[in-house]
C-alpha atoms as a PDB file:
ATOM      1  CA  UNK A   1     -10.361   4.398 -37.988  1.00  0.00           C
ATOM      2  CA  UNK A   2      -7.000   6.386 -37.817  1.00  0.00           C
ATOM      3  CA  UNK A   3      -3.710   5.579 -36.609  1.00  0.00           C
ATOM      4  CA  UNK A   4      -2.689   6.128 -33.710  1.00  0.00           C
ATOM      5  CA  UNK A   5       0.638   7.274 -35.066  1.00  0.00           C
ATOM      6  CA  UNK A   6      -0.780   9.233 -37.416  1.00  0.00           C
ATOM      7  CA  UNK A   7      -2.956  11.493 -33.930  1.00  0.00           C
ATOM      8  CA  UNK A   8       0.793  11.579 -32.181  1.00  0.00           C
ATOM      9  CA  UNK A   9       2.323  12.962 -35.549  1.00  0.00           C
ATOM     10  CA  UNK A  10      -0.535  15.886 -35.334  1.00  0.00           C
ATOM     11  CA  UNK A  11       0.302  16.904 -31.579  1.00  0.00           C
ATOM     12  CA  UNK A  12       4.204  17.089 -32.503  1.00  0.00           C
ATOM     13  CA  UNK A  13       3.315  19.074 -35.069  1.00  0.00           C
ATOM     14  CA  UNK A  14       0.789  21.415 -32.888  1.00  0.00           C
ATOM     15  CA  UNK A  15       3.285  21.752 -29.923  1.00  0.00           C
ATOM     16  CA  UNK A  16       6.224  22.630 -32.420  1.00  0.00           C
ATOM     17  CA  UNK A  17       4.593  24.790 -34.819  1.00  0.00           C
ATOM     18  CA  UNK A  18       6.235  23.585 -37.634  1.00  0.00           C
ATOM     19  CA  UNK A  19       7.016  20.332 -40.076  1.00  0.00           C
ATOM     20  CA  UNK A  20      10.391  20.656 -39.588  1.00  0.00           C
ATOM     21  CA  UNK A  21      10.868  20.688 -36.171  1.00  0.00           C
ATOM     22  CA  UNK A  22       8.374  18.069 -35.371  1.00  0.00           C
ATOM     23  CA  UNK A  23      10.700  15.962 -38.093  1.00  0.00           C
ATOM     24  CA  UNK A  24      13.826  16.397 -35.832  1.00  0.00           C
ATOM     25  CA  UNK A  25      11.858  15.533 -32.555  1.00  0.00           C
ATOM     26  CA  UNK A  26      10.435  12.269 -34.635  1.00  0.00           C
ATOM     27  CA  UNK A  27      13.393  12.206 -36.712  1.00  0.00           C
ATOM     28  CA  UNK A  28      11.466  11.566 -39.716  1.00  0.00           C
ATOM     29  CA  UNK A  29      11.721  13.114 -43.528  1.00  0.00           C
ATOM     30  CA  UNK A  30       9.688  16.819 -43.109  1.00  0.00           C
ATOM     31  CA  UNK A  31       8.509  15.191 -46.484  1.00  0.00           C
ATOM     32  CA  UNK A  32       7.276  12.017 -44.993  1.00  0.00           C
ATOM     33  CA  UNK A  33       5.427  13.853 -42.102  1.00  0.00           C
ATOM     34  CA  UNK A  34       4.077  16.259 -45.002  1.00  0.00           C
ATOM     35  CA  UNK A  35       1.988  13.592 -46.600  1.00  0.00           C
ATOM     36  CA  UNK A  36       0.955  11.536 -43.808  1.00  0.00           C
ATOM     37  CA  UNK A  37      -0.737  14.764 -42.680  1.00  0.00           C
ATOM     38  CA  UNK A  38      -2.176  15.859 -45.911  1.00  0.00           C
ATOM     39  CA  UNK A  39      -3.245  11.991 -46.181  1.00  0.00           C
ATOM     40  CA  UNK A  40      -4.708  12.254 -42.753  1.00  0.00           C
ATOM     41  CA  UNK A  41      -6.854  15.566 -43.746  1.00  0.00           C
ATOM     42  CA  UNK A  42      -7.678  13.945 -47.037  1.00  0.00           C
ATOM     43  CA  UNK A  43      -9.539  10.963 -45.046  1.00  0.00           C
ATOM     44  CA  UNK A  44     -11.278  13.159 -42.179  1.00  0.00           C
ATOM     45  CA  UNK A  45     -12.321  15.487 -44.941  1.00  0.00           C
ATOM     46  CA  UNK A  46     -10.924  18.489 -42.953  1.00  0.00           C
ATOM     47  CA  UNK A  47      -7.741  21.006 -42.835  1.00  0.00           C
ATOM     48  CA  UNK A  48      -5.853  20.834 -39.591  1.00  0.00           C
ATOM     49  CA  UNK A  49      -3.198  23.111 -40.151  1.00  0.00           C
ATOM     50  CA  UNK A  50      -2.597  26.824 -41.523  1.00  0.00           C
ATOM     51  CA  UNK A  51       0.447  26.579 -43.350  1.00  0.00           C
ATOM     52  CA  UNK A  52       2.908  29.268 -44.807  1.00  0.00           C
ATOM     53  CA  UNK A  53       6.605  28.967 -45.287  1.00  0.00           C
ATOM     54  CA  UNK A  54       7.369  30.170 -41.535  1.00  0.00           C
ATOM     55  CA  UNK A  55       5.092  28.519 -39.551  1.00  0.00           C
ATOM     56  CA  UNK A  56       1.893  25.800 -39.165  1.00  0.00           C
ATOM     57  CA  UNK A  57      -0.969  26.281 -36.770  1.00  0.00           C
ATOM     58  CA  UNK A  58      -3.862  24.291 -35.858  1.00  0.00           C
ATOM     59  CA  UNK A  59      -7.092  25.447 -37.606  1.00  0.00           C
ATOM     60  CA  UNK A  60     -10.580  25.625 -35.625  1.00  0.00           C
ATOM     61  CA  UNK A  61     -11.188  21.818 -36.665  1.00  0.00           C
ATOM     62  CA  UNK A  62      -7.015  20.721 -35.839  1.00  0.00           C
ATOM     63  CA  UNK A  63      -7.801  22.816 -32.126  1.00  0.00           C
ATOM     64  CA  UNK A  64     -11.110  20.099 -31.656  1.00  0.00           C
ATOM     65  CA  UNK A  65      -8.845  16.931 -33.339  1.00  0.00           C
ATOM     66  CA  UNK A  66      -5.713  17.519 -31.299  1.00  0.00           C
ATOM     67  CA  UNK A  67      -7.508  17.598 -27.671  1.00  0.00           C
ATOM     68  CA  UNK A  68      -8.614  13.925 -28.860  1.00  0.00           C
ATOM     69  CA  UNK A  69      -5.707  12.815 -29.471  1.00  0.00           C
ATOM     70  CA  UNK A  70      -4.134  13.719 -26.626  1.00  0.00           C
ATOM     71  CA  UNK A  71      -6.704  12.058 -24.923  1.00  0.00           C
ATOM     72  CA  UNK A  72      -5.528   8.680 -26.811  1.00  0.00           C
ATOM     73  CA  UNK A  73      -1.618   9.705 -25.858  1.00  0.00           C
ATOM     74  CA  UNK A  74      -2.832   9.742 -22.090  1.00  0.00           C
ATOM     75  CA  UNK A  75      -4.418   6.228 -22.525  1.00  0.00           C
ATOM     76  CA  UNK A  76      -1.704   5.003 -24.931  1.00  0.00           C
ATOM     77  CA  UNK A  77       0.892   5.857 -22.188  1.00  0.00           C
ATOM     78  CA  UNK A  78      -1.228   4.685 -19.356  1.00  0.00           C
ATOM     79  CA  UNK A  79      -1.916   1.142 -21.466  1.00  0.00           C
ATOM     80  CA  UNK A  80       2.197   1.283 -21.268  1.00  0.00           C
ATOM     81  CA  UNK A  81       2.464   1.435 -17.546  1.00  0.00           C
ATOM     82  CA  UNK A  82      -0.293  -0.929 -17.237  1.00  0.00           C
ATOM     83  CA  UNK A  83       1.363  -3.984 -19.095  1.00  0.00           C
ATOM     84  CA  UNK A  84       4.525  -2.766 -17.208  1.00  0.00           C
ATOM     85  CA  UNK A  85       2.401  -3.494 -13.778  1.00  0.00           C
ATOM     86  CA  UNK A  86       1.767  -6.409 -15.137  1.00  0.00           C
ATOM     87  CA  UNK A  87       5.255  -7.917 -16.058  1.00  0.00           C
ATOM     88  CA  UNK A  88       6.395  -7.229 -12.562  1.00  0.00           C
ATOM     89  CA  UNK A  89       3.336  -8.776 -10.652  1.00  0.00           C
ATOM     90  CA  UNK A  90       4.267 -12.235  -9.823  1.00  0.00           C
ATOM     91  CA  UNK A  91       3.045 -15.409 -11.419  1.00  0.00           C
ATOM     92  CA  UNK A  92       3.685 -19.235 -11.501  1.00  0.00           C
ATOM     93  CA  UNK A  93       2.659 -21.446  -9.525  1.00  0.00           C
ATOM     94  CA  UNK A  94       2.459 -22.555  -5.700  1.00  0.00           C
ATOM     95  CA  UNK A  95       2.259 -25.331  -4.080  1.00  0.00           C
ATOM     96  CA  UNK A  96       1.011 -25.206  -0.112  1.00  0.00           C
ATOM     97  CA  UNK A  97      -0.149 -28.076   2.130  1.00  0.00           C
ATOM     98  CA  UNK A  98      -2.049 -28.054   5.283  1.00  0.00           C
ATOM     99  CA  UNK A  99      -4.346 -30.315   7.461  1.00  0.00           C
ATOM    100  CA  UNK A 100      -7.173 -31.377   6.580  1.00  0.00           C
ATOM    101  CA  UNK A 101      -9.596 -29.285   8.711  1.00  0.00           C
ATOM    102  CA  UNK A 102      -7.981 -25.845   7.956  1.00  0.00           C
ATOM    103  CA  UNK A 103      -7.937 -26.309   4.196  1.00  0.00           C
ATOM    104  CA  UNK A 104     -12.248 -26.777   4.791  1.00  0.00           C
ATOM    105  CA  UNK A 105     -12.524 -24.117   7.362  1.00  0.00           C
ATOM    106  CA  UNK A 106      -9.812 -21.315   6.522  1.00  0.00           C
ATOM    107  CA  UNK A 107      -8.031 -21.605   3.299  1.00  0.00           C
ATOM    108  CA  UNK A 108     -10.857 -20.579   1.168  1.00  0.00           C
ATOM    109  CA  UNK A 109     -11.055 -17.216   2.578  1.00  0.00           C
ATOM    110  CA  UNK A 110      -7.404 -16.524   3.202  1.00  0.00           C
ATOM    111  CA  UNK A 111      -6.572 -17.714  -0.434  1.00  0.00           C
ATOM    112  CA  UNK A 112      -9.102 -15.974  -2.093  1.00  0.00           C
ATOM    113  CA  UNK A 113      -7.550 -12.432  -0.337  1.00  0.00           C
ATOM    114  CA  UNK A 114      -4.343 -13.220  -2.042  1.00  0.00           C
ATOM    115  CA  UNK A 115      -5.532 -14.473  -5.262  1.00  0.00           C
ATOM    116  CA  UNK A 116      -7.357 -11.173  -5.525  1.00  0.00           C
ATOM    117  CA  UNK A 117      -4.386  -9.352  -5.341  1.00  0.00           C
ATOM    118  CA  UNK A 118      -2.273 -11.485  -7.049  1.00  0.00           C
ATOM    119  CA  UNK A 119      -4.028 -13.095 -10.004  1.00  0.00           C
ATOM    120  CA  UNK A 120      -1.692 -14.695 -11.924  1.00  0.00           C
ATOM    121  CA  UNK A 121      -0.352 -16.854  -9.900  1.00  0.00           C
ATOM    122  CA  UNK A 122      -1.482 -20.864  -9.631  1.00  0.00           C
ATOM    123  CA  UNK A 123      -2.493 -22.641  -5.919  1.00  0.00           C
ATOM    124  CA  UNK A 124      -2.226 -25.924  -5.358  1.00  0.00           C
ATOM    125  CA  UNK A 125      -3.821 -26.961  -1.764  1.00  0.00           C
ATOM    126  CA  UNK A 126      -2.513 -30.492  -1.045  1.00  0.00           C
ATOM    127  CA  UNK A 127      -4.652 -31.026   2.361  1.00  0.00           C
ATOM    128  CA  UNK A 128      -3.710 -33.894   4.430  1.00  0.00           C
ATOM    129  CA  UNK A 129      -3.034 -34.351   7.484  1.00  0.00           C
ATOM    130  CA  UNK A 130       0.466 -36.151   6.970  1.00  0.00           C
ATOM    131  CA  UNK A 131       3.931 -33.954   6.952  1.00  0.00           C
ATOM    132  CA  UNK A 132       4.861 -34.302   3.420  1.00  0.00           C
ATOM    133  CA  UNK A 133       8.359 -34.172   2.483  1.00  0.00           C
ATOM    134  CA  UNK A 134       8.687 -30.671   1.239  1.00  0.00           C
ATOM    135  CA  UNK A 135      11.841 -31.110  -0.790  1.00  0.00           C
ATOM    136  CA  UNK A 136      11.112 -34.098  -2.680  1.00  0.00           C
ATOM    137  CA  UNK A 137       6.852 -33.294  -3.172  1.00  0.00           C
ATOM    138  CA  UNK A 138       8.059 -30.078  -3.890  1.00  0.00           C
ATOM    139  CA  UNK A 139       5.786 -27.886  -1.613  1.00  0.00           C
ATOM    140  CA  UNK A 140       6.181 -24.291  -1.592  1.00  0.00           C
ATOM    141  CA  UNK A 141       4.605 -23.626   1.697  1.00  0.00           C
ATOM    142  CA  UNK A 142       3.330 -26.343   4.383  1.00  0.00           C
ATOM    143  CA  UNK A 143       0.948 -25.072   7.474  1.00  0.00           C
ATOM    144  CA  UNK A 144       2.111 -26.977  10.067  1.00  0.00           C
ATOM    145  CA  UNK A 145       0.744 -28.070  13.673  1.00  0.00           C
ATOM    146  CA  UNK A 146       3.263 -30.000  16.680  1.00  0.00           C
ATOM    147  CA  UNK A 147       6.604 -30.355  16.094  1.00  0.00           C
ATOM    148  CA  UNK A 148       9.402 -29.301  12.764  1.00  0.00           C
ATOM    149  CA  UNK A 149      12.219 -31.612  12.969  1.00  0.00           C
ATOM    150  CA  UNK A 150      13.770 -30.703   9.758  1.00  0.00           C
ATOM    151  CA  UNK A 151      16.405 -27.704  10.912  1.00  0.00           C
ATOM    152  CA  UNK A 152      17.230 -26.495   7.567  1.00  0.00           C
ATOM    153  CA  UNK A 153      13.511 -25.029   6.605  1.00  0.00           C
ATOM    154  CA  UNK A 154      12.602 -21.650   8.132  1.00  0.00           C
ATOM    155  CA  UNK A 155       9.739 -21.761  10.823  1.00  0.00           C
ATOM    156  CA  UNK A 156       7.517 -19.347  10.965  1.00  0.00           C
ATOM    157  CA  UNK A 157       4.781 -18.537  14.123  1.00  0.00           C
ATOM    158  CA  UNK A 158       1.310 -17.870  12.543  1.00  0.00           C
ATOM    159  CA  UNK A 159      -1.372 -18.119  15.670  1.00  0.00           C
ATOM    160  CA  UNK A 160      -1.595 -19.825  18.714  1.00  0.00           C
ATOM    161  CA  UNK A 161      -5.068 -21.642  18.144  1.00  0.00           C
ATOM    162  CA  UNK A 162      -8.094 -21.319  20.575  1.00  0.00           C
ATOM    163  CA  UNK A 163      -9.463 -24.933  21.563  1.00  0.00           C
ATOM    164  CA  UNK A 164     -13.026 -25.301  22.676  1.00  0.00           C
ATOM    165  CA  UNK A 165     -15.334 -28.635  24.531  1.00  0.00           C
ATOM    166  CA  UNK A 166     -18.457 -29.353  22.538  1.00  0.00           C
ATOM    167  CA  UNK A 167     -21.772 -30.866  21.873  1.00  0.00           C
ATOM    168  CA  UNK A 168     -24.783 -31.292  20.263  1.00  0.00           C
ATOM    169  CA  UNK A 169     -28.322 -29.923  22.166  1.00  0.00           C
ATOM    170  CA  UNK A 170     -29.665 -33.000  21.031  1.00  0.00           C
ATOM    171  CA  UNK A 171     -26.649 -35.060  23.031  1.00  0.00           C
ATOM    172  CA  UNK A 172     -26.562 -32.636  26.282  1.00  0.00           C
ATOM    173  CA  UNK A 173     -30.597 -33.313  26.445  1.00  0.00           C
ATOM    174  CA  UNK A 174     -30.148 -37.036  26.896  1.00  0.00           C
ATOM    175  CA  UNK A 175     -27.030 -37.265  29.448  1.00  0.00           C
ATOM    176  CA  UNK A 176     -25.787 -35.711  33.067  1.00  0.00           C
ATOM    177  CA  UNK A 177     -24.597 -32.494  33.377  1.00  0.00           C
ATOM    178  CA  UNK A 178     -20.927 -31.643  32.642  1.00  0.00           C
ATOM    179  CA  UNK A 179     -19.893 -29.168  35.206  1.00  0.00           C
ATOM    180  CA  UNK A 180     -15.987 -30.252  35.533  1.00  0.00           C
ATOM    181  CA  UNK A 181     -13.689 -32.164  33.311  1.00  0.00           C
ATOM    182  CA  UNK A 182     -13.974 -35.240  36.002  1.00  0.00           C
ATOM    183  CA  UNK A 183     -17.423 -35.318  34.121  1.00  0.00           C
ATOM    184  CA  UNK A 184     -16.283 -36.291  31.022  1.00  0.00           C
ATOM    185  CA  UNK A 185     -15.486 -39.764  32.316  1.00  0.00           C
ATOM    186  CA  UNK A 186     -19.011 -41.007  32.069  1.00  0.00           C
ATOM    187  CA  UNK A 187     -19.418 -39.293  28.142  1.00  0.00           C
ATOM    188  CA  UNK A 188     -18.563 -40.211  24.998  1.00  0.00           C
ATOM    189  CA  UNK A 189     -15.632 -38.820  24.050  1.00  0.00           C
ATOM    190  CA  UNK A 190     -14.693 -38.269  20.584  1.00  0.00           C
ATOM    191  CA  UNK A 191     -10.998 -38.422  20.316  1.00  0.00           C
ATOM    192  CA  UNK A 192      -8.315 -36.780  17.878  1.00  0.00           C
ATOM    193  CA  UNK A 193      -5.601 -39.197  17.669  1.00  0.00           C
ATOM    194  CA  UNK A 194      -2.827 -36.871  18.246  1.00  0.00           C
ATOM    195  CA  UNK A 195      -4.763 -35.282  21.503  1.00  0.00           C
ATOM    196  CA  UNK A 196      -5.216 -38.359  23.797  1.00  0.00           C
ATOM    197  CA  UNK A 197      -4.725 -35.888  26.998  1.00  0.00           C
ATOM    198  CA  UNK A 198      -7.310 -32.881  27.299  1.00  0.00           C
ATOM    199  CA  UNK A 199      -5.449 -30.274  29.337  1.00  0.00           C
ATOM    200  CA  UNK A 200      -7.545 -27.446  30.924  1.00  0.00           C
ATOM    201  CA  UNK A 201      -6.907 -24.381  33.254  1.00  0.00           C
ATOM    202  CA  UNK A 202      -9.485 -22.656  35.342  1.00  0.00           C
ATOM    203  CA  UNK A 203      -8.766 -19.294  37.746  1.00  0.00           C
ATOM    204  CA  UNK A 204      -7.299 -21.668  40.489  1.00  0.00           C
ATOM    205  CA  UNK A 205      -7.228 -25.085  39.361  1.00  0.00           C
ATOM    206  CA  UNK A 206      -6.103 -27.720  36.494  1.00  0.00           C
ATOM    207  CA  UNK A 207      -7.139 -30.564  35.361  1.00  0.00           C
ATOM    208  CA  UNK A 208      -5.510 -33.158  32.617  1.00  0.00           C
ATOM    209  CA  UNK A 209      -8.217 -35.466  31.999  1.00  0.00           C
ATOM    210  CA  UNK A 210      -7.342 -39.442  29.764  1.00  0.00           C
ATOM    211  CA  UNK A 211     -11.094 -39.835  27.943  1.00  0.00           C
ATOM    212  CA  UNK A 212     -11.870 -42.971  27.030  1.00  0.00           C
ATOM    213  CA  UNK A 213     -12.785 -42.662  23.428  1.00  0.00           C
ATOM    214  CA  UNK A 214     -16.283 -43.217  22.172  1.00  0.00           C
ATOM    215  CA  UNK A 215     -14.533 -42.732  18.797  1.00  0.00           C
ATOM    216  CA  UNK A 216     -10.973 -41.847  17.369  1.00  0.00           C
ATOM    217  CA  UNK A 217      -9.679 -40.483  14.125  1.00  0.00           C
ATOM    218  CA  UNK A 218      -7.187 -37.969  13.098  1.00  0.00           C
ATOM    219  CA  UNK A 219      -9.671 -36.294  10.966  1.00  0.00           C
ATOM    220  CA  UNK A 220     -11.026 -33.175  12.641  1.00  0.00           C
ATOM    221  CA  UNK A 221     -13.812 -32.794  10.433  1.00  0.00           C
ATOM    222  CA  UNK A 222     -15.000 -35.947  10.359  1.00  0.00           C
ATOM    223  CA  UNK A 223     -14.896 -35.396  14.623  1.00  0.00           C
ATOM    224  CA  UNK A 224     -16.779 -32.413  13.941  1.00  0.00           C
ATOM    225  CA  UNK A 225     -19.347 -34.029  11.866  1.00  0.00           C
ATOM    226  CA  UNK A 226     -19.690 -36.306  14.349  1.00  0.00           C
ATOM    227  CA  UNK A 227     -19.907 -34.318  17.636  1.00  0.00           C
ATOM    228  CA  UNK A 228     -22.879 -31.963  15.515  1.00  0.00           C
ATOM    229  CA  UNK A 229     -24.628 -35.331  15.026  1.00  0.00           C
ATOM    230  CA  UNK A 230     -25.178 -36.068  18.278  1.00  0.00           C
ATOM    231  CA  UNK A 231     -22.423 -38.618  18.875  1.00  0.00           C
ATOM    232  CA  UNK A 232     -20.648 -37.434  21.851  1.00  0.00           C
ATOM    233  CA  UNK A 233     -18.298 -34.698  22.895  1.00  0.00           C
ATOM    234  CA  UNK A 234     -15.389 -32.912  21.368  1.00  0.00           C
ATOM    235  CA  UNK A 235     -11.823 -30.595  22.034  1.00  0.00           C
ATOM    236  CA  UNK A 236     -12.253 -29.033  18.817  1.00  0.00           C
ATOM    237  CA  UNK A 237     -10.558 -25.880  17.461  1.00  0.00           C
ATOM    238  CA  UNK A 238     -12.456 -22.996  18.318  1.00  0.00           C
ATOM    239  CA  UNK A 239     -12.510 -21.275  14.497  1.00  0.00           C
ATOM    240  CA  UNK A 240     -14.065 -24.374  12.925  1.00  0.00           C
ATOM    241  CA  UNK A 241     -17.061 -24.784  15.868  1.00  0.00           C
ATOM    242  CA  UNK A 242     -18.007 -21.244  15.614  1.00  0.00           C
ATOM    243  CA  UNK A 243     -20.368 -21.492  12.608  1.00  0.00           C
ATOM    244  CA  UNK A 244     -22.392 -24.756  14.038  1.00  0.00           C
ATOM    245  CA  UNK A 245     -22.680 -22.687  17.858  1.00  0.00           C
ATOM    246  CA  UNK A 246     -23.883 -19.920  15.949  1.00  0.00           C
ATOM    247  CA  UNK A 247     -26.644 -22.133  14.210  1.00  0.00           C
ATOM    248  CA  UNK A 248     -27.681 -23.854  17.552  1.00  0.00           C
ATOM    249  CA  UNK A 249     -26.096 -26.757  16.802  1.00  0.00           C
ATOM    250  CA  UNK A 250     -23.020 -27.116  19.216  1.00  0.00           C
ATOM    251  CA  UNK A 251     -23.005 -25.560  23.011  1.00  0.00           C
ATOM    252  CA  UNK A 252     -19.748 -24.728  24.650  1.00  0.00           C
ATOM    253  CA  UNK A 253     -19.577 -26.859  27.287  1.00  0.00           C
ATOM    254  CA  UNK A 254     -17.501 -25.623  30.245  1.00  0.00           C
ATOM    255  CA  UNK A 255     -16.598 -22.176  29.277  1.00  0.00           C
ATOM    256  CA  UNK A 256     -14.632 -21.550  32.812  1.00  0.00           C
ATOM    257  CA  UNK A 257     -12.215 -23.883  32.016  1.00  0.00           C
ATOM    258  CA  UNK A 258      -9.983 -23.434  29.169  1.00  0.00           C
ATOM    259  CA  UNK A 259      -8.637 -25.944  27.169  1.00  0.00           C
ATOM    260  CA  UNK A 260      -4.743 -26.259  25.968  1.00  0.00           C
ATOM    261  CA  UNK A 261      -4.144 -24.216  22.992  1.00  0.00           C
ATOM    262  CA  UNK A 262      -2.116 -25.491  20.028  1.00  0.00           C
ATOM    263  CA  UNK A 263       0.206 -23.392  17.277  1.00  0.00           C
ATOM    264  CA  UNK A 264       0.424 -22.759  13.981  1.00  0.00           C
ATOM    265  CA  UNK A 265       3.494 -22.505  12.297  1.00  0.00           C
ATOM    266  CA  UNK A 266       4.424 -22.136   8.108  1.00  0.00           C
ATOM    267  CA  UNK A 267       7.395 -23.559   7.282  1.00  0.00           C
ATOM    268  CA  UNK A 268       9.174 -23.388   3.950  1.00  0.00           C
ATOM    269  CA  UNK A 269      12.521 -23.880   2.697  1.00  0.00           C
ATOM    270  CA  UNK A 270      15.237 -20.952   2.477  1.00  0.00           C
ATOM    271  CA  UNK A 271      15.027 -17.829   0.936  1.00  0.00           C
ATOM    272  CA  UNK A 272      17.118 -18.069  -1.488  1.00  0.00           C
ATOM    273  CA  UNK A 273      16.169 -18.180  -5.083  1.00  0.00           C
ATOM    274  CA  UNK A 274      12.416 -17.412  -3.959  1.00  0.00           C
ATOM    275  CA  UNK A 275      10.384 -16.900  -7.006  1.00  0.00           C
ATOM    276  CA  UNK A 276       8.459 -13.595  -6.955  1.00  0.00           C
ATOM    277  CA  UNK A 277       5.369 -15.592  -6.944  1.00  0.00           C
ATOM    278  CA  UNK A 278       6.412 -17.063  -3.164  1.00  0.00           C
ATOM    279  CA  UNK A 279       7.974 -13.926  -1.716  1.00  0.00           C
ATOM    280  CA  UNK A 280       4.306 -12.641  -2.418  1.00  0.00           C
ATOM    281  CA  UNK A 281       2.952 -15.148  -0.501  1.00  0.00           C
ATOM    282  CA  UNK A 282       5.221 -15.224   2.820  1.00  0.00           C
ATOM    283  CA  UNK A 283       4.935 -11.343   2.417  1.00  0.00           C
ATOM    284  CA  UNK A 284       0.947 -11.820   2.686  1.00  0.00           C
ATOM    285  CA  UNK A 285       0.666 -14.187   5.143  1.00  0.00           C
ATOM    286  CA  UNK A 286       3.096 -11.822   7.389  1.00  0.00           C
ATOM    287  CA  UNK A 287       0.494  -9.191   7.251  1.00  0.00           C
ATOM    288  CA  UNK A 288      -2.212 -11.411   7.162  1.00  0.00           C
ATOM    289  CA  UNK A 289      -4.760 -10.403  10.609  1.00  0.00           C
ATOM    290  CA  UNK A 290      -4.941 -14.043  12.162  1.00  0.00           C
ATOM    291  CA  UNK A 291      -7.201 -12.746  14.858  1.00  0.00           C
ATOM    292  CA  UNK A 292     -10.554 -14.817  13.809  1.00  0.00           C
ATOM    293  CA  UNK A 293      -8.780 -17.722  13.097  1.00  0.00           C
ATOM    294  CA  UNK A 294      -6.607 -17.723  16.602  1.00  0.00           C
ATOM    295  CA  UNK A 295     -10.129 -17.751  18.233  1.00  0.00           C
ATOM    296  CA  UNK A 296     -12.625 -18.198  16.131  1.00  0.00           C
END
C-alpha cells in the first residue's frame, strides 16, 4: 500500500510542474523529492512523470494516478474536519433526576433524541419522587413538580401537564355510574399523597372533592397499575394514561369536567462554568416539543 505522503507529493509536483517548485512548497530538498518519486515509480512499475531539464509533466499513467491521489487528499481533509468536529462535540457525564413516573413514561424517548445528537455524553438518571439536594448529590438537572424554594437555582418552566380521571372497564362495569364529581364519594379512589383534593372545572361550574382513599401512594406508576387492574378510580397525568386508554385498558371519566393541571419545571444550578454537555442539554430542552408530554 502506498504512502499517503507520497500521493500528496505527486499532487504537488503535478500542480507546480516542477520538482524545484514542489520542493519550495513542501520545504523538502529537491533530491529528496526526486528520490521519493523514483522509489514510488519503482514500486508501481510505472513511470508517472516525463522529466526534462526545464519541466516535469505527467505521463498518461501519471494522469490516472494523480486523480486517485486527489481523491485520497479529499478524504484525508474530510477526516481531519470530522475529527475536529468530534473534538468540539460535548462529552462527559450528566446526572439528571426526575419523578419516577416521568422516568418510566417520558424520559426514554426524550433522552434517546439527546443521545443520538450527542453520543459522547454519558447520562445517569435518578428516578425518585424525593427532592434531592442538587449540590450535595452533584445533580446537573432536576425535573421538578411543585414549589422550588432554593432561589440560587435557575427554574425554567417546561410544560403544564394535563390530568384526567380514569378507571378500568371492569371496574366501571361493576360499579355505579360516575356522572359528576360528587359521585366519586361512592367509589374506590386511588389517591396520590401529594394530591388529596381533586379539582374540576366545567363550562359553567367548578368542583373540589376530597376523595376517601381506598389506596394511597406516592407512586403514580403504582396507582396507574392498580387502576388498570380494576382497583378503582384515579386522577393521573394524561400522558401516562394514553397508552392504556388506546389499548382499551382504561376509560376516561367525566371528560366534560377538566381536572386541574400541574407544572413541570427544569431546575439547575447557575450557568457559570457550565460544561459543553450541560449547555447542550439545556439547549436541547429549550428546543424540545413538549406538546405530547403536556396533553398526552
